[in-house]
């Protein structure tokens, strides 16, 4: 009888310890799973969003001041562009406006911060851009301002691409005196991924 009582006491003593150990294991697994979920990479698909989307017409306000044929004028205001996603290793962004009909560069904006997912309408004149903060710009004339599409609608209309470049650096090795060709080359060399908004002038 004494032996049975001793065994019972031993079992009652060990039971809470066993339950606590099981509880610890369960908590540990839950924490580990939560940590794994928290560290899982987010979706990285690079996509454009907002009102200006693929295949849109380029409104007159976004065209250059005088069209190539001398009829029709624009306001030369850069459009708002927005996007989501992007490669995990993205350290900065650049936007390039390119005329595919004439294979010509119009404008570039670079050193856009990695956390940015849009550029506002109407980028102000100047090499140093305040919004997006820290960005810089140059156009095909070597001027530090936007230079919009210059084609009219119709037979002379070109196809223009606002190309978004995800970059592997937060600062390109360019200065205020860098040429448009140098800006293009630096952007291309640092590009990880590219999407574009394509449009024709109204």
Protein backbone atom coordinates (compact mmCIF):
# COMPACT_ATOMS: atom_id res chain seq x y z
CA UNK A 1 0.00 0.00 0.00
CA UNK A 2 2.82 2.34 0.89
CA UNK A 3 4.49 1.59 -2.44
CA UNK A 4 1.31 2.41 -4.40
CA UNK A 5 0.91 5.70 -2.49
CA UNK A 6 4.51 6.66 -3.29
CA UNK A 7 3.97 6.01 -7.00
CA UNK A 8 0.78 8.12 -6.97
CA UNK A 9 2.55 11.02 -5.29
CA UNK A 10 5.38 10.82 -7.82
CA UNK A 11 2.91 10.89 -10.74
CA UNK A 12 1.04 13.88 -9.30
CA UNK A 13 4.34 15.69 -8.84
CA UNK A 14 5.55 15.05 -12.39
CA UNK A 15 2.24 15.81 -14.15
CA UNK A 16 2.36 19.64 -13.80
CA UNK A 17 5.97 19.64 -14.96
CA UNK A 18 5.01 17.61 -18.04
CA UNK A 19 2.07 19.92 -18.83
CA UNK A 20 4.26 23.02 -18.42
CA UNK A 21 6.86 21.55 -20.73
CA UNK A 22 4.21 20.84 -23.34
CA UNK A 23 2.90 24.36 -22.99
CA UNK A 24 6.38 25.77 -23.52
CA UNK A 25 6.82 23.70 -26.67
CA UNK A 26 3.51 24.93 -28.04
CA UNK A 27 4.32 28.55 -27.29
CA UNK A 28 7.74 28.16 -28.84
CA UNK A 29 6.28 26.76 -32.03
CA UNK A 30 3.73 29.57 -32.22
CA UNK A 31 6.39 32.24 -31.75
CA UNK A 32 8.59 30.64 -34.36
CA UNK A 33 5.73 30.45 -36.82
CA UNK A 34 4.80 34.08 -36.14
CA UNK A 35 8.39 35.12 -36.64
CA UNK A 36 8.57 33.26 -39.92
CA UNK A 37 5.38 34.91 -41.14
CA UNK A 38 6.61 38.35 -40.10
CA UNK A 39 9.86 37.90 -41.98
CA UNK A 40 8.25 36.51 -45.13
CA UNK A 41 8.86 38.78 -48.14
CA UNK A 42 5.97 40.89 -49.36
CA UNK A 43 4.68 40.71 -52.92
CA UNK A 44 7.23 42.29 -55.23
CA UNK A 45 5.32 42.56 -58.52
CA UNK A 46 6.03 46.00 -59.97
CA UNK A 47 2.80 47.53 -61.26
CA UNK A 48 1.54 50.98 -62.13
CA UNK A 49 -1.46 52.43 -60.30
CA UNK A 50 -3.37 55.71 -60.28
CA UNK A 51 -5.15 57.60 -63.05
CA UNK A 52 -2.38 57.57 -65.68
CA UNK A 53 -2.23 54.00 -66.95
CA UNK A 54 -0.92 52.04 -69.91
CA UNK A 55 -2.32 53.13 -73.27
CA UNK A 56 -3.69 56.47 -72.08
CA UNK A 57 -3.55 59.61 -74.18
CA UNK A 58 -1.14 62.29 -73.04
CA UNK A 59 -3.21 65.36 -72.19
CA UNK A 60 -2.20 68.76 -73.64
CA UNK A 61 -1.13 70.00 -70.22
CA UNK A 62 1.59 67.33 -70.18
CA UNK A 63 2.88 68.15 -73.69
CA UNK A 64 5.74 70.52 -74.43
CA UNK A 65 5.04 74.21 -74.98
CA UNK A 66 5.12 74.03 -78.79
CA UNK A 67 4.45 70.97 -80.95
CA UNK A 68 6.88 69.92 -83.66
CA UNK A 69 4.58 71.07 -86.45
CA UNK A 70 3.88 74.42 -84.81
CA UNK A 71 0.18 73.88 -84.11
CA UNK A 72 -1.14 73.16 -80.68
CA UNK A 73 0.63 74.00 -77.47
CA UNK A 74 0.94 72.28 -74.14
CA UNK A 75 1.59 73.46 -70.60
CA UNK A 76 4.71 71.29 -70.12
CA UNK A 77 3.51 69.99 -66.74
CA UNK A 78 4.81 66.56 -65.77
CA UNK A 79 2.08 64.02 -64.95
CA UNK A 80 1.47 62.32 -61.63
CA UNK A 81 2.68 58.73 -61.78
CA UNK A 82 2.16 56.08 -59.11
CA UNK A 83 3.05 52.42 -58.71
CA UNK A 84 3.28 49.57 -56.23
CA UNK A 85 5.60 46.68 -55.48
CA UNK A 86 9.12 46.33 -56.79
CA UNK A 87 12.17 44.13 -56.24
CA UNK A 88 13.27 43.70 -52.62
CA UNK A 89 16.73 45.02 -53.45
CA UNK A 90 15.40 48.32 -54.83
CA UNK A 91 17.33 51.24 -53.36
CA UNK A 92 15.92 54.03 -55.51
CA UNK A 93 13.83 54.88 -58.56
CA UNK A 94 14.10 56.82 -61.79
CA UNK A 95 11.55 57.92 -64.39
CA UNK A 96 12.52 58.48 -68.04
CA UNK A 97 10.27 59.97 -70.75
CA UNK A 98 11.14 58.49 -74.14
CA UNK A 99 9.75 59.05 -77.66
CA UNK A 100 9.70 55.67 -79.39
CA UNK A 101 8.77 57.05 -82.83
CA UNK A 102 11.93 59.12 -83.06
CA UNK A 103 13.99 57.03 -80.61
CA UNK A 104 14.68 60.14 -78.59
CA UNK A 105 15.08 60.94 -74.90
CA UNK A 106 12.96 63.75 -73.45
CA UNK A 107 13.44 63.85 -69.68
CA UNK A 108 14.76 61.93 -66.70
CA UNK A 109 14.09 62.15 -62.96
CA UNK A 110 16.32 60.03 -60.70
CA UNK A 111 17.41 59.51 -57.06
CA UNK A 112 13.74 59.05 -56.14
CA UNK A 113 13.77 57.51 -52.62
CA UNK A 114 13.19 53.76 -52.35
CA UNK A 115 10.09 54.19 -50.15
CA UNK A 116 8.41 56.42 -52.74
CA UNK A 117 5.55 54.96 -54.76
CA UNK A 118 4.56 58.07 -56.68
CA UNK A 119 5.76 61.34 -58.15
CA UNK A 120 3.45 64.36 -57.98
CA UNK A 121 2.14 66.29 -60.93
CA UNK A 122 4.17 69.33 -61.92
CA UNK A 123 7.80 68.67 -60.93
CA UNK A 124 9.30 72.13 -60.34
CA UNK A 125 12.19 73.53 -62.38
CA UNK A 126 15.66 72.91 -60.96
CA UNK A 127 18.29 70.20 -60.66
CA UNK A 128 17.48 69.56 -56.98
CA UNK A 129 13.86 68.45 -56.65
CA UNK A 130 12.02 68.95 -53.36
CA UNK A 131 9.21 66.46 -54.07
CA UNK A 132 10.22 63.66 -54.28
CA UNK A 133 12.83 64.93 -51.85
CA UNK A 134 16.41 64.38 -53.00
CA UNK A 135 15.54 63.68 -56.64
CA UNK A 136 17.30 65.30 -59.63
CA UNK A 137 16.33 65.91 -63.24
CA UNK A 138 17.58 66.80 -66.71
CA UNK A 139 15.91 67.00 -70.13
CA UNK A 140 17.09 66.44 -73.69
CA UNK A 141 18.23 70.07 -73.95
CA UNK A 142 20.44 69.74 -70.88
CA UNK A 143 17.99 71.85 -68.86
CA UNK A 144 16.89 70.86 -65.38
CA UNK A 145 13.17 70.67 -66.03
CA UNK A 146 10.47 68.50 -67.53
CA UNK A 147 10.23 68.39 -71.34
CA UNK A 148 6.97 66.77 -72.40
CA UNK A 149 5.82 65.04 -75.59
CA UNK A 150 5.87 67.34 -78.61
CA UNK A 151 3.82 65.41 -81.20
CA UNK A 152 0.29 66.30 -82.23
CA UNK A 153 -2.48 63.77 -82.45
CA UNK A 154 -2.92 62.13 -85.83
CA UNK A 155 -0.43 60.87 -88.39
CA UNK A 156 2.58 62.52 -86.72
CA UNK A 157 1.70 61.29 -83.24
CA UNK A 158 4.53 59.47 -81.56
CA UNK A 159 4.25 56.81 -78.87
CA UNK A 160 5.69 58.08 -75.62
CA UNK A 161 6.84 55.98 -72.71
CA UNK A 162 7.17 57.11 -69.12
CA UNK A 163 9.57 54.40 -68.01
CA UNK A 164 9.88 53.57 -64.31
CA UNK A 165 13.26 52.07 -63.35
CA UNK A 166 13.89 50.24 -60.07
CA UNK A 167 17.55 50.94 -59.23
CA UNK A 168 20.18 49.11 -57.22
CA UNK A 169 21.54 52.37 -55.76
CA UNK A 170 20.06 55.28 -53.82
CA UNK A 171 22.26 57.84 -55.53
CA UNK A 172 23.55 57.86 -59.09
CA UNK A 173 27.01 59.27 -59.76
CA UNK A 174 25.70 62.31 -61.60
CA UNK A 175 26.00 66.05 -61.07
CA UNK A 176 24.23 69.18 -62.24
CA UNK A 177 26.58 69.33 -65.23
CA UNK A 178 25.99 65.72 -66.31
CA UNK A 179 24.70 65.42 -69.87
CA UNK A 180 21.41 63.77 -70.85
CA UNK A 181 23.39 60.86 -72.34
CA UNK A 182 25.28 60.38 -69.08
CA UNK A 183 22.02 60.40 -67.13
CA UNK A 184 20.49 57.78 -69.42
CA UNK A 185 23.57 55.56 -69.22
CA UNK A 186 23.75 55.76 -65.42
CA UNK A 187 20.07 54.89 -65.06
CA UNK A 188 20.33 51.93 -67.43
CA UNK A 189 23.43 50.60 -65.66
CA UNK A 190 21.70 50.67 -62.26
CA UNK A 191 18.35 49.26 -63.42
CA UNK A 192 16.99 46.09 -61.82
CA UNK A 193 13.51 46.14 -63.32
CA UNK A 194 11.45 48.44 -65.55
CA UNK A 195 7.78 49.05 -66.26
CA UNK A 196 6.30 51.78 -68.43
CA UNK A 197 3.25 53.91 -69.02
CA UNK A 198 2.66 54.26 -72.76
CA UNK A 199 0.57 57.00 -74.33
CA UNK A 200 -0.06 59.04 -77.46
CA UNK A 201 -0.81 62.79 -77.45
CA UNK A 202 -4.38 64.07 -77.64
